[in-house]
Protein backbone atom coordinates (compact mmCIF):
# COMPACT_ATOMS: atom_id res chain seq x y z
CA MET A 1 86.82 96.72 -137.22
CA SER A 2 88.77 93.53 -137.57
CA ASN A 3 89.03 90.43 -135.55
CA THR A 4 92.55 91.22 -134.56
CA GLN A 5 91.60 94.80 -133.20
CA LEU A 6 88.82 93.25 -131.56
CA ASP A 7 90.76 90.78 -129.98
CA GLU A 8 93.46 93.39 -129.11
CA LEU A 9 90.60 95.62 -127.47
CA LYS A 10 89.31 92.39 -125.83
CA ASN A 11 93.29 91.67 -124.50
CA LYS A 12 93.35 95.47 -123.37
CA ALA A 13 90.07 95.16 -121.77
CA ALA A 14 90.98 92.17 -120.08
CA GLU A 15 94.23 93.40 -118.84
CA LEU A 16 92.44 96.73 -117.75
CA GLY A 17 90.19 94.43 -115.79
CA ASP A 18 92.98 92.57 -114.27
CA ASP A 19 94.78 95.74 -113.26
CA LEU A 20 91.41 97.09 -112.06
CA LYS A 21 90.84 93.81 -109.99
CA HIS A 22 94.62 94.27 -108.67
CA SER A 23 93.99 97.95 -107.66
CA ALA A 24 90.87 96.95 -106.33
CA LYS A 25 92.45 94.56 -104.06
CA ALA A 26 95.63 96.78 -103.14
CA ALA A 27 92.77 99.51 -102.40
CA GLN A 28 90.87 96.87 -100.09
CA LEU A 29 94.08 95.81 -98.50
CA GLN A 30 94.94 99.48 -97.77
CA GLY A 31 91.41 100.10 -96.51
CA GLU A 32 91.81 96.98 -94.16
CA LYS A 33 94.99 98.07 -93.24
CA ALA A 34 93.78 101.81 -92.42
CA VAL A 35 90.94 99.98 -90.45
CA ASP A 36 93.19 97.77 -88.41
CA ASP A 37 95.62 100.85 -87.88
CA LEU A 38 92.34 102.82 -86.67
CA LYS A 39 91.54 100.18 -84.42
CA HIS A 40 94.91 99.66 -82.99
CA SER A 41 95.02 103.49 -82.53
CA VAL A 42 91.70 103.21 -80.74
CA LYS A 43 92.88 100.70 -78.61
CA GLU A 44 96.01 102.88 -77.70
CA ALA A 45 93.91 105.63 -76.99
CA LYS A 46 91.92 103.90 -74.71
CA LEU A 47 94.72 102.40 -72.89
CA GLU A 48 96.06 105.82 -72.46
CA GLY A 49 92.83 107.08 -71.32
CA GLU A 50 92.78 104.11 -68.69
CA LYS A 51 96.17 104.98 -67.53
CA LYS A 52 95.38 108.52 -67.15
CA LEU A 53 92.03 107.79 -65.13
CA ASP A 54 94.32 105.66 -62.96
CA GLU A 55 97.04 108.40 -62.51
CA LEU A 56 94.07 110.74 -61.77
CA LYS A 57 92.60 108.47 -59.27
CA HIS A 58 95.84 108.18 -57.59
CA ASP A 59 96.56 111.59 -57.69
CA SER A 60 93.10 112.49 -56.17
CA ALA A 61 93.67 110.06 -53.61
CA GLU A 62 96.90 111.36 -52.67
CA GLN A 63 95.72 114.90 -52.72
CA GLN A 64 92.72 113.84 -50.32
CA ALA A 65 95.19 112.22 -47.95
CA GLU A 66 97.23 115.42 -48.07
CA ASN A 67 94.54 117.83 -47.43
CA GLN A 68 93.10 115.25 -44.60
CA ALA A 69 96.88 115.32 -43.22
CA ALA A 70 96.83 119.11 -43.28
CA ALA A 71 93.22 119.61 -41.77
CA GLU A 72 94.32 117.47 -38.99
CA GLU A 73 97.65 119.07 -38.31
CA LYS A 74 95.59 122.46 -38.31
CA VAL A 75 93.18 121.01 -35.72
CA ASN A 76 95.95 119.54 -33.61
CA ASP A 77 97.73 122.94 -33.80
CA LEU A 78 94.24 124.57 -32.75
CA LYS A 79 94.16 122.19 -29.88
CA ALA A 80 97.69 122.73 -28.64
CA LYS A 81 97.01 126.64 -28.77
CA ALA A 82 93.90 125.96 -26.93
CA GLU A 83 95.32 123.94 -24.13
CA HIS A 84 98.24 126.65 -23.98
CA ALA A 85 95.62 129.60 -23.76
CA LYS A 86 93.77 127.39 -20.94
CA ALA A 87 96.90 126.71 -19.12
CA SER A 88 98.08 130.65 -19.42
CA ALA A 89 94.55 131.62 -18.15
CA GLN A 90 94.82 129.12 -15.35
CA GLU A 91 98.17 130.29 -14.41
CA LYS A 92 97.07 133.95 -14.53
CA LEU A 93 93.90 133.06 -12.37
CA ASP A 94 96.19 131.30 -9.90
CA HIS A 95 98.51 134.49 -9.64
CA PHE A 96 95.49 136.86 -9.04
CA LYS A 97 94.22 134.44 -6.35
CA ASP A 98 97.57 134.40 -4.77
CA GLU A 99 97.67 138.23 -5.12
CA ALA A 100 94.51 138.76 -3.74
CA SER A 101 95.06 136.20 -0.72
CA HIS A 102 98.27 138.21 -0.02
CA LYS A 103 96.59 141.76 -0.40
CA PHE A 104 93.61 140.46 1.91
CA ASP A 105 96.34 139.05 4.59
CA GLU A 106 97.91 142.62 4.29
CA ALA A 107 94.46 144.30 4.78
CA LYS A 108 93.81 142.24 7.77
CA LEU A 109 97.00 143.12 9.33
CA LYS A 110 96.59 146.55 8.82
CA ALA A 111 92.85 146.41 10.34
CA ALA A 112 94.29 144.63 13.28
CA GLU A 113 96.90 147.47 13.61
CA LEU A 114 94.10 149.96 13.11
CA LYS A 115 92.00 148.41 15.92
CA GLN A 116 95.10 147.97 18.38
CA ASP A 117 95.91 151.89 17.60
CA ALA A 118 92.15 152.76 18.14
CA SER A 119 92.02 150.74 21.52
CA VAL A 120 95.03 152.54 22.61
CA LYS A 121 93.53 155.95 21.76
CA LEU A 122 90.24 154.98 23.32
CA ASP A 123 92.10 154.00 26.51
CA GLU A 124 93.97 157.21 26.28
CA LEU A 125 90.94 159.25 25.77
CA LYS A 126 88.94 157.35 28.59
CA VAL A 127 92.06 158.33 30.97
CA GLN A 128 92.00 161.89 29.66
CA ALA A 129 88.25 162.03 30.26
CA THR A 130 88.38 160.50 33.59
CA GLU A 131 91.16 162.95 34.57
CA LYS A 132 89.07 165.93 32.93
CA PHE A 133 85.89 164.62 34.64
CA SER A 134 87.88 164.32 37.89
CA GLU A 135 89.15 167.71 37.46
CA LEU A 136 85.87 169.12 36.61
CA LYS A 137 84.12 167.33 39.58
CA LYS A 138 86.28 168.91 41.75
CA LYS A 139 86.04 172.38 40.46
CA ALA A 140 82.21 171.92 40.67
CA SER A 141 82.55 170.61 44.28
CA ASP A 142 84.96 173.43 45.00
CA ALA A 143 82.52 175.81 43.50
CA LEU A 144 79.49 174.35 45.26
CA GLY A 145 81.65 174.23 48.57
CA LYS A 146 82.35 178.03 48.08
CA PHE A 147 78.67 178.73 47.15
CA LYS A 148 77.60 177.02 50.55
CA LYS A 149 80.23 178.87 52.25
CA ASP A 150 78.88 182.14 50.83
CA ASP A 151 75.28 181.20 51.68
CA GLN A 152 76.14 180.26 55.31
CA ALA A 153 77.90 183.57 55.78
């Protein structure tokens, strides 16, 4: 090989070496750019994750507040129903007491009427018994008197 050919090969090798350096630097820049893009994507994903976490925390707090409000509403409804039932039961009890008192008063009046009727009947029976007794006494006296007359005669 001649010197010129060797020089040409050296020049070509130098050009290829320069091209290789440029390609390596371009690849390095692209790699650094890819790493930077990846770091940027990771930071964006982290930020989005934090946003979602904050949203979930907020939504969870809202849901808990809603659930607590619903539970309190149910408790208040149950308390109101219990109060209504208690008032209704008290009204019924008062009504039954009034009704029982009225029936008791009616029974006392009826008992007083029956006692009066019995007293009148008893007095009537006493009079009848006295009359009958007097009548029987007179008959017995008359019969005794007749026996005495018959014995004397």
